[in-house]
Amino acid sequence: MSKTFRAWRLDETLLLPPSVQDFVPADHLSRFVVSLVRESLDLGAIYGAYKGEKGQPPYDPAMMVALLLYSYAVGVYSSRRIAGACRERTDFLMIVALDAPDFRTISEFRRRHLAALSGLFVQVLRLAETAGLVKLGHVALDGTKIRANASKHKAMSYAHMSRREQELAAEVARWLEAAEAADAEEDRLFGPDKRGDELPDWVKDKQRRIEKIREAKAALEAEAAAAAQDKARAQAEAEAKAATTGRKKSGKKAAPPSGTPRAKAQRNFTDPESRILKTKDGFIQGYNAQAAVDSHAQIIVARTLTPSQNDQDQLVPLMDAIEADLGRSPVEASADAGYCSEANLAALHERGIAGYVAVARAKRAANAKRTINGPLTLAMQTKLKRAGRRSRYRLRKQVVEPVFGQIKQARGFRQFLLRGVEKVSAEWAMICTAHNILKLAKATA
């Protein structure tokens, strides 16, 4: 019994090639991103960076921006993987219109325009607000630890630096002494075209290692000296205030500041600005990425990034960023115990924001057991306990934590590609921008 099959026209050429737009369905995310970039985003800062007509014409910045934003939205971050997708995937082929840039071009474009790319976060956020996705009725705050582009095994403590510096210096000195004593023999062995006193590669490596260790020690010493000055200034201000008011601070007197780094103070040689951070899965070399998420459609309305383990110092910057970008503050804000302090609670009150902040870590925020001294913290504990299961604090977990799950689990972003706080902050902004674009695309589909 014969059967007719659909023709497989593998070798057939097309008289009129199809439009690249036909590579993907009309409602595909790639089409949405291209339309967004071409019609709604202001790329003047990027276009303005190109001057003159020398050299080969560069790729259209709008195409490169659309390529990067779409790549981040679908979980492709490496420039090599993006370049590979431009040759193999129809959605990427459509964006680049069959003219794929190589990975060096993609990497250089991202590096050159990193600040302008991070600035697109505000533009996309305002588009989301215009689309009705941002209400600022309730905003939840949280942070997540993300690995840096550096290994924690490339970090060294100040005490170990001091020991290792002396060991390496002694080892190199011993070799140099032996080399000087054997000059004549080396001349005979190496021949007339060699001096005989060239340092072998292993000695050069050790000398470079010494230089790196000394640079890292100097940086730690400078940080310790600056911290000591700040502490001394704060102590002097506290003493002056106590003398003016006549009230002495209770408790043990603080130890005088020391300008010497702690023995356990560490510095990473690959990314010195990253830090060892504690996570539920152990310790990582990384950064603390912060986000404020609107409860209406899980739009990220503010983001910051810090190398510090502590979240406390990030509440006010997040609130300031929301007001700066959207021109108003949220009605309510919730955060876990990492953000709780008298200063933060006072800042929320001054801004007229109803705060719901856990006073200590516990399965239920209202049941947290902790010695509370501040009046605002005590009032917050009473507020959470009085509301019980009806507390607005319960919104925090269902608003902000799924966003981190979508970024880290669904889209696989678990490690930064760039190094240094400034560049990593811009990379985090691009991640947050891609997240908001996905929410915007889903809402307008």
Protein backbone atom coordinates (compact mmCIF):
# COMPACT_ATOMS: atom_id res chain seq x y z
CA MET A 1 0.00 0.00 0.00
CA SER A 2 1.59 3.28 -1.13
CA LYS A 3 1.74 6.40 1.01
CA THR A 4 2.23 10.01 -0.16
CA PHE A 5 4.57 12.13 1.94
CA ARG A 6 5.06 15.86 2.14
CA ALA A 7 7.90 16.93 -0.16
CA TRP A 8 11.29 17.53 1.51
CA ARG A 9 12.65 20.46 -0.52
CA LEU A 10 16.09 20.49 1.02
CA ASP A 11 17.98 21.41 -2.17
CA GLU A 12 15.38 23.71 -3.68
CA THR A 13 16.40 27.36 -4.03
CA LEU A 14 13.96 30.20 -3.52
CA LEU A 15 13.35 32.72 -6.29
CA LEU A 16 12.17 35.32 -3.78
CA PRO A 17 13.62 34.86 -0.28
CA PRO A 18 11.16 35.19 2.63
CA SER A 19 11.25 38.12 5.04
CA VAL A 20 13.31 37.40 8.16
CA GLN A 21 10.24 38.45 10.17
CA ASP A 22 8.61 35.24 8.92
CA PHE A 23 11.19 33.13 10.76
CA VAL A 24 9.15 33.45 13.97
CA PRO A 25 5.41 33.73 14.75
CA ALA A 26 3.82 37.17 14.93
CA ASP A 27 3.38 36.94 18.71
CA HIS A 28 6.95 35.75 19.42
CA LEU A 29 8.98 37.50 22.13
CA SER A 30 11.77 38.34 19.68
CA ARG A 31 9.36 40.41 17.57
CA PHE A 32 8.17 42.21 20.69
CA VAL A 33 11.74 43.09 21.72
CA VAL A 34 12.60 44.36 18.23
CA SER A 35 9.46 46.49 18.16
CA LEU A 36 10.17 47.81 21.66
CA VAL A 37 13.71 48.85 20.77
CA ARG A 38 12.80 50.42 17.43
CA GLU A 39 9.69 52.29 18.53
CA SER A 40 9.84 52.95 22.28
CA LEU A 41 13.42 53.19 23.55
CA ASP A 42 15.64 56.25 23.28
CA LEU A 43 19.10 55.08 22.19
CA GLY A 44 20.54 58.55 21.72
CA ALA A 45 23.31 57.95 24.29
CA ILE A 46 24.54 54.94 22.30
CA TYR A 47 24.20 56.49 18.83
CA GLY A 48 25.99 59.62 20.08
CA ALA A 49 29.10 57.59 20.91
CA TYR A 50 29.77 56.98 17.20
CA LYS A 51 31.62 59.74 15.35
CA GLY A 52 33.40 59.90 12.02
CA GLU A 53 33.34 57.56 9.04
CA LYS A 54 36.67 55.77 9.41
CA GLY A 55 36.84 51.99 9.29
CA GLN A 56 34.15 49.46 8.51
CA PRO A 57 30.56 50.53 9.24
CA PRO A 58 29.56 49.20 12.69
CA TYR A 59 26.44 47.14 13.30
CA ASP A 60 23.30 49.18 13.90
CA PRO A 61 23.18 49.92 17.66
CA ALA A 62 19.42 49.27 17.70
CA MET A 63 20.01 45.75 16.39
CA MET A 64 22.75 45.12 18.96
CA VAL A 65 20.57 46.42 21.81
CA ALA A 66 17.66 44.24 20.69
CA LEU A 67 20.02 41.26 20.47
CA LEU A 68 21.37 41.77 23.99
CA LEU A 69 18.00 42.43 25.61
CA TYR A 70 16.45 39.39 23.95
CA SER A 71 19.43 37.22 24.88
CA TYR A 72 19.14 38.20 28.54
CA ALA A 73 15.37 37.63 28.43
CA VAL A 74 15.79 34.04 27.22
CA GLY A 75 18.72 33.17 29.46
CA VAL A 76 21.66 33.47 27.03
CA TYR A 77 24.36 35.66 28.57
CA SER A 78 27.80 34.71 27.23
CA SER A 79 28.91 36.59 24.11
CA ARG A 80 30.08 33.32 22.57
CA ARG A 81 26.71 31.65 23.20
CA ILE A 82 24.90 34.69 21.79
CA ALA A 83 27.06 34.60 18.66
CA GLY A 84 26.40 30.87 18.30
CA ALA A 85 22.64 31.40 18.62
CA CYS A 86 22.85 34.05 15.86
CA ARG A 87 24.02 31.29 13.52
CA GLU A 88 21.76 28.47 14.69
CA ARG A 89 18.46 29.79 16.08
CA THR A 90 15.75 31.34 13.93
CA ASP A 91 14.69 33.81 16.62
CA PHE A 92 18.24 35.19 16.81
CA LEU A 93 18.64 35.04 13.01
CA MET A 94 15.54 37.19 12.69
CA ILE A 95 16.90 39.85 15.06
CA VAL A 96 20.27 40.13 13.27
CA ALA A 97 18.61 39.79 9.83
CA LEU A 98 20.99 36.97 8.80
CA ASP A 99 24.02 39.23 9.42
CA ALA A 100 25.41 37.70 12.61
CA PRO A 101 28.07 39.60 14.60
CA ASP A 102 30.92 37.58 16.09
CA PHE A 103 31.37 37.18 19.84
CA ARG A 104 34.10 39.84 20.04
CA THR A 105 31.78 42.43 18.51
CA ILE A 106 29.01 41.53 20.96
CA SER A 107 31.37 41.60 23.95
CA GLU A 108 32.93 44.93 22.90
CA PHE A 109 29.52 46.53 22.30
CA ARG A 110 28.34 45.47 25.77
CA ARG A 111 31.56 46.70 27.38
CA ARG A 112 31.58 50.03 25.52
CA HIS A 113 27.94 50.92 26.17
CA LEU A 114 27.48 49.28 29.58
CA ALA A 115 26.34 52.48 31.31
CA ALA A 116 23.83 53.32 28.56
CA LEU A 117 22.50 49.75 28.55
CA SER A 118 21.94 49.85 32.31
CA GLY A 119 20.09 53.16 31.84
CA LEU A 120 17.45 51.37 29.76
CA PHE A 121 16.08 49.97 33.03
CA VAL A 122 14.34 53.27 33.80
CA GLN A 123 12.89 53.58 30.28
CA VAL A 124 11.41 50.07 30.39
CA LEU A 125 10.14 50.67 33.94
CA ARG A 126 8.26 53.79 32.83
CA LEU A 127 6.80 51.91 29.87
CA ALA A 128 5.54 49.28 32.32
CA GLU A 129 4.03 52.03 34.45
CA THR A 130 2.30 53.50 31.39
CA ALA A 131 0.92 50.05 30.59
CA GLY A 132 -0.62 49.89 34.07
CA LEU A 133 1.75 47.25 35.44
CA VAL A 134 3.15 49.44 38.23
CA LYS A 135 0.78 50.54 40.98
CA LEU A 136 3.18 51.08 43.92
CA GLY A 137 0.48 49.90 46.28
CA HIS A 138 2.79 47.36 47.89
CA VAL A 139 6.49 46.91 47.19
CA ALA A 140 8.53 44.00 48.55
CA LEU A 141 12.28 44.20 49.10
CA ASP A 142 14.84 41.42 49.18
CA GLY A 143 18.38 40.54 48.21
CA THR A 144 19.95 37.49 46.62
CA LYS A 145 23.58 36.41 46.59
CA ILE A 146 24.99 35.83 43.10
CA ARG A 147 28.45 34.46 42.35
CA ALA A 148 31.11 36.83 41.09
CA ASN A 149 33.31 36.05 38.09
CA ALA A 150 35.99 34.90 40.52
CA SER A 151 36.77 31.85 42.63
CA LYS A 152 36.68 32.09 46.41
CA HIS A 153 39.89 30.01 46.36
CA LYS A 154 41.65 32.98 44.74
CA ALA A 155 41.13 35.01 47.91
CA MET A 156 43.78 35.31 50.62
CA SER A 157 43.60 36.63 54.18
CA TYR A 158 45.83 39.50 55.35
CA ALA A 159 47.69 37.21 57.79
CA HIS A 160 48.35 34.63 55.08
CA MET A 161 49.46 37.41 52.71
CA SER A 162 52.09 38.52 55.21
CA ARG A 163 53.41 34.98 55.68
CA ARG A 164 53.34 34.14 51.99
CA GLU A 165 55.06 37.39 51.01
CA GLN A 166 57.98 36.57 53.30
CA GLU A 167 58.17 32.95 52.08
CA LEU A 168 58.18 33.92 48.40
CA ALA A 169 60.67 36.73 48.93
CA ALA A 170 63.03 34.34 50.77
CA GLU A 171 62.66 31.69 48.06
CA VAL A 172 63.43 34.13 45.26
CA ALA A 173 66.34 35.59 47.24
CA ARG A 174 67.83 32.11 47.70
CA TRP A 175 67.60 31.42 43.99
CA LEU A 176 69.17 34.76 43.06
CA GLU A 177 72.05 34.09 45.46
CA ALA A 178 72.62 30.66 43.94
CA ALA A 179 72.38 32.09 40.43
CA GLU A 180 75.01 34.72 41.17
CA ALA A 181 77.40 32.09 42.49
CA ALA A 182 76.94 29.93 39.38
CA ASP A 183 77.35 32.64 36.72
CA ALA A 184 80.46 31.13 35.17
CA GLU A 185 78.93 27.67 34.88
CA GLU A 186 75.76 29.08 33.38
CA ASP A 187 77.77 30.98 30.75
CA ARG A 188 79.28 27.71 29.70
CA LEU A 189 75.92 25.92 29.65
CA PHE A 190 73.81 28.61 28.01
CA GLY A 191 76.32 29.71 25.36
CA PRO A 192 77.68 33.11 24.31
CA ASP A 193 74.26 34.50 23.24
CA LYS A 194 72.87 34.27 26.79
CA ARG A 195 73.91 36.29 29.81
CA GLY A 196 73.38 33.32 32.09
CA ASP A 197 71.44 35.32 34.67
CA GLU A 198 67.99 35.13 33.06
CA LEU A 199 65.28 34.30 35.54
CA PRO A 200 63.41 31.07 34.80
CA ASP A 201 59.64 31.23 34.36
CA TRP A 202 58.88 29.88 37.83
CA VAL A 203 60.85 32.70 39.46
CA LYS A 204 59.10 35.31 37.29
CA ASP A 205 55.75 33.86 38.34
CA LYS A 206 56.70 34.04 42.00
CA GLN A 207 57.86 37.63 41.61
CA ARG A 208 54.55 38.53 39.96
CA ARG A 209 52.80 36.74 42.82
CA ILE A 210 54.73 38.84 45.35
CA GLU A 211 53.72 42.02 43.51
CA LYS A 212 50.04 40.97 43.56
CA ILE A 213 50.21 40.09 47.24
CA ARG A 214 51.82 43.44 48.07
CA GLU A 215 49.16 45.31 46.08
CA ALA A 216 46.40 43.39 47.88
CA LYS A 217 48.01 44.06 51.28
CA ALA A 218 48.27 47.77 50.50
CA ALA A 219 44.60 47.86 49.50
CA LEU A 220 43.52 46.13 52.73
CA GLU A 221 45.69 48.49 54.77
CA ALA A 222 44.15 51.50 53.02
CA GLU A 223 40.64 50.19 53.68
CA ALA A 224 41.48 49.58 57.35
CA ALA A 225 42.94 53.08 57.72
CA ALA A 226 39.84 54.67 56.15
CA ALA A 227 37.55 52.61 58.39
CA ALA A 228 39.57 53.64 61.44
CA GLN A 229 39.22 57.31 60.51
CA ASP A 230 35.45 56.93 60.08
CA LYS A 231 35.15 55.13 63.42
CA ALA A 232 37.26 57.76 65.19
CA ARG A 233 35.12 60.52 63.68
CA ALA A 234 31.91 58.78 64.79
CA GLN A 235 33.26 58.31 68.32
CA ALA A 236 34.27 61.96 68.51
CA GLU A 237 30.81 63.07 67.36
CA ALA A 238 29.14 60.76 69.90
CA GLU A 239 31.34 62.12 72.71
CA ALA A 240 30.63 65.70 71.67
CA LYS A 241 26.90 65.00 71.62
CA ALA A 242 27.08 63.37 75.04
CA ALA A 243 28.96 66.38 76.41
CA THR A 244 26.32 68.74 75.00
CA THR A 245 23.30 66.82 76.27
CA GLY A 246 24.89 65.68 79.51
CA ARG A 247 23.94 62.07 78.78
CA LYS A 248 26.60 59.43 78.77
CA LYS A 249 26.27 56.43 76.52
CA SER A 250 25.60 53.27 78.52
CA GLY A 251 27.58 50.09 78.11
CA LYS A 252 31.24 49.30 77.66
CA LYS A 253 33.36 52.00 76.06
CA ALA A 254 34.27 51.20 72.46
CA ALA A 255 37.85 50.20 71.78
CA PRO A 256 39.97 52.81 70.00
CA PRO A 257 40.01 52.34 66.22
CA SER A 258 42.89 50.41 64.69
CA GLY A 259 44.36 51.25 61.32
CA THR A 260 45.67 47.70 60.84
CA PRO A 261 43.63 45.16 58.86
CA ARG A 262 42.19 42.20 60.74
CA ALA A 263 44.19 39.01 60.27
CA LYS A 264 41.16 37.34 58.65
CA ALA A 265 40.39 40.24 56.30
CA GLN A 266 40.39 38.82 52.77
CA ARG A 267 40.90 40.16 49.27
CA ASN A 268 40.30 38.32 46.02
CA PHE A 269 42.98 38.54 43.33
CA THR A 270 40.56 38.00 40.41
CA ASP A 271 37.79 40.43 41.44
CA PRO A 272 39.03 42.43 44.46
CA GLU A 273 35.68 44.20 44.90
CA SER A 274 33.71 40.97 45.40
CA ARG A 275 33.38 39.43 48.85
CA ILE A 276 32.94 36.07 50.56
CA LEU A 277 29.18 35.88 51.25
CA LYS A 278 27.22 33.34 53.26
CA THR A 279 24.28 31.64 51.53
CA LYS A 280 22.00 28.77 52.50
CA ASP A 281 24.20 26.52 50.33
CA GLY A 282 27.48 27.63 51.89
CA PHE A 283 29.95 30.41 51.17
CA ILE A 284 30.45 31.98 47.75
CA GLN A 285 32.63 34.70 46.26
CA GLY A 286 30.00 37.10 45.02
CA TYR A 287 27.76 40.13 45.30
CA ASN A 288 24.49 40.92 47.04
CA ALA A 289 21.94 41.85 44.34
CA GLN A 290 18.95 43.84 45.63
CA ALA A 291 15.51 44.38 44.12
CA ALA A 292 12.26 46.13 45.02
CA VAL A 293 9.30 44.45 43.32
CA ASP A 294 5.82 45.87 42.80
CA SER A 295 3.11 43.43 43.91
CA HIS A 296 0.69 44.15 41.05
CA ALA A 297 2.61 42.42 38.22
CA GLN A 298 6.02 41.59 39.79
CA ILE A 299 7.77 44.46 38.01
CA ILE A 300 11.18 45.33 39.47
CA VAL A 301 10.83 49.03 40.34
CA ALA A 302 14.30 49.53 41.83
CA ARG A 303 17.58 47.64 42.01
CA THR A 304 20.92 48.09 43.73
CA LEU A 305 23.99 45.94 44.23
CA THR A 306 26.51 45.72 47.05
CA PRO A 307 29.44 43.47 47.96
CA SER A 308 28.26 43.52 51.58
CA GLN A 309 26.48 40.63 53.30
CA ASN A 310 24.25 43.06 55.20
CA ASP A 311 20.97 44.27 53.66
CA GLN A 312 20.32 47.11 56.11
CA ASP A 313 22.10 49.82 54.13
CA GLN A 314 20.07 49.06 50.98
CA LEU A 315 16.52 49.93 52.11
CA VAL A 316 16.89 53.72 51.82
CA PRO A 317 18.71 53.58 48.43
CA LEU A 318 15.94 51.36 47.05
CA MET A 319 13.24 53.74 48.27
CA ASP A 320 15.18 56.71 46.87
CA ALA A 321 15.53 54.95 43.50
CA ILE A 322 11.78 54.31 43.29
CA GLU A 323 11.01 57.97 43.95
CA ALA A 324 13.71 59.15 41.52
CA ASP A 325 12.57 56.87 38.67
CA LEU A 326 8.79 57.07 39.11
CA GLY A 327 8.32 60.39 40.92
CA ARG A 328 6.46 58.90 43.89
CA SER A 329 6.89 56.51 46.78
CA PRO A 330 5.01 53.25 47.37
CA VAL A 331 2.08 53.14 49.77
CA GLU A 332 3.41 50.03 51.55
CA ALA A 333 6.76 48.25 51.75
CA SER A 334 7.63 44.87 53.19
CA ALA A 335 11.07 43.42 53.93
CA ASP A 336 12.63 40.64 55.96
CA ALA A 337 14.61 41.00 59.17
CA GLY A 338 17.82 41.83 57.31
CA TYR A 339 16.46 45.35 56.68
CA CYS A 340 15.22 46.02 60.22
CA SER A 341 16.82 48.91 62.07
CA GLU A 342 15.58 52.00 63.86
CA ALA A 343 17.04 54.20 61.11
CA ASN A 344 15.26 52.27 58.33
CA LEU A 345 11.92 52.25 60.13
CA ALA A 346 12.27 55.99 60.73
CA ALA A 347 13.07 56.52 57.03
CA LEU A 348 9.88 54.69 56.01
CA HIS A 349 7.86 56.78 58.46
CA GLU A 350 9.34 60.06 57.18
CA ARG A 351 8.37 59.11 53.61
CA GLY A 352 4.82 58.23 54.65
CA ILE A 353 5.29 54.57 53.70
CA ALA A 354 3.48 51.91 55.73
CA GLY A 355 6.27 49.51 56.59
CA TYR A 356 6.00 45.79 57.33
CA VAL A 357 9.48 44.69 58.35
CA ALA A 358 10.27 41.54 60.31
CA VAL A 359 12.15 42.38 63.51
CA ALA A 360 14.02 39.04 63.64
CA ARG A 361 14.32 35.88 61.61
CA ALA A 362 11.58 33.35 62.33
CA LYS A 363 9.12 31.15 60.49
CA ARG A 364 6.45 33.74 61.24
CA ALA A 365 7.59 37.34 61.56
CA ALA A 366 5.20 38.09 64.42
CA ASN A 367 6.62 35.25 66.54
CA ALA A 368 10.25 36.32 66.29
CA LYS A 369 12.06 36.18 69.62
CA ARG A 370 14.64 38.87 70.12
CA THR A 371 15.55 41.49 72.68
CA ILE A 372 14.19 44.75 71.29
CA ASN A 373 15.44 48.12 72.52
CA GLY A 374 14.30 50.65 69.91
CA PRO A 375 10.77 52.09 70.17
CA LEU A 376 10.14 51.84 66.42
CA THR A 377 11.26 48.20 66.32
CA LEU A 378 9.05 47.40 69.30
CA ALA A 379 6.10 49.12 67.61
CA MET A 380 6.76 47.12 64.42
CA GLN A 381 6.76 43.84 66.35
CA THR A 382 3.45 44.79 67.97
CA LYS A 383 2.02 45.77 64.58
CA LEU A 384 2.94 42.44 62.98
CA LYS A 385 1.72 40.44 65.97
CA ARG A 386 -1.61 42.26 66.10
CA ALA A 387 -2.34 41.58 62.42
CA GLY A 388 -1.38 37.90 62.65
CA ARG A 389 -2.05 35.97 59.45
CA ARG A 390 -3.75 39.01 57.94
CA SER A 391 -0.53 41.03 58.08
CA ARG A 392 0.55 42.64 54.85
CA TYR A 393 4.01 41.26 55.55
CA ARG A 394 2.86 37.92 54.10
CA LEU A 395 2.93 39.51 50.63
CA ARG A 396 6.73 39.79 50.72
CA LYS A 397 7.48 36.14 50.06
CA GLN A 398 4.98 35.77 47.22
CA VAL A 399 6.04 39.00 45.50
CA VAL A 400 9.83 39.25 45.50
CA GLU A 401 11.08 35.68 45.98
CA PRO A 402 9.43 34.34 42.77
CA VAL A 403 11.26 37.06 40.82
CA PHE A 404 14.63 35.77 42.01
CA GLY A 405 13.47 32.26 41.19
CA GLN A 406 12.60 33.30 37.63
CA ILE A 407 15.97 35.02 37.18
CA LYS A 408 18.19 32.36 38.75
CA GLN A 409 16.31 29.14 38.09
CA ALA A 410 14.13 29.67 35.01
CA ARG A 411 16.63 31.83 33.11
CA GLY A 412 19.74 30.33 34.67
CA PHE A 413 21.52 33.50 35.78
CA ARG A 414 23.71 32.33 38.67
CA GLN A 415 27.01 34.09 38.03
CA PHE A 416 28.01 37.53 36.81
CA LEU A 417 30.17 37.73 33.70
CA LEU A 418 31.80 41.07 34.48
CA ARG A 419 34.06 42.14 37.35
CA GLY A 420 34.04 45.12 39.69
CA VAL A 421 31.11 46.73 41.49
CA GLU A 422 30.42 49.31 38.78
CA LYS A 423 30.30 46.82 35.90
CA VAL A 424 28.45 44.17 37.89
CA SER A 425 25.85 46.78 38.94
CA ALA A 426 25.26 47.58 35.27
CA GLU A 427 24.98 43.87 34.47
CA TRP A 428 22.39 43.45 37.25
CA ALA A 429 20.47 46.38 35.76
CA MET A 430 20.36 44.56 32.39
CA ILE A 431 19.07 41.41 34.11
CA CYS A 432 16.31 43.42 35.79
CA THR A 433 15.49 45.18 32.51
CA ALA A 434 15.11 41.81 30.74
CA HIS A 435 12.81 40.61 33.52
CA ASN A 436 10.57 43.67 33.15
CA ILE A 437 10.49 43.25 29.36
CA LEU A 438 9.18 39.71 29.80
CA LYS A 439 6.44 40.94 32.13
CA LEU A 440 5.58 43.74 29.71
CA ALA A 441 5.44 41.33 26.75
CA LYS A 442 3.17 38.94 28.63
CA ALA A 443 0.81 41.73 29.69
CA THR A 444 0.49 43.20 26.19
CA ALA A 445 0.20 39.89 24.32
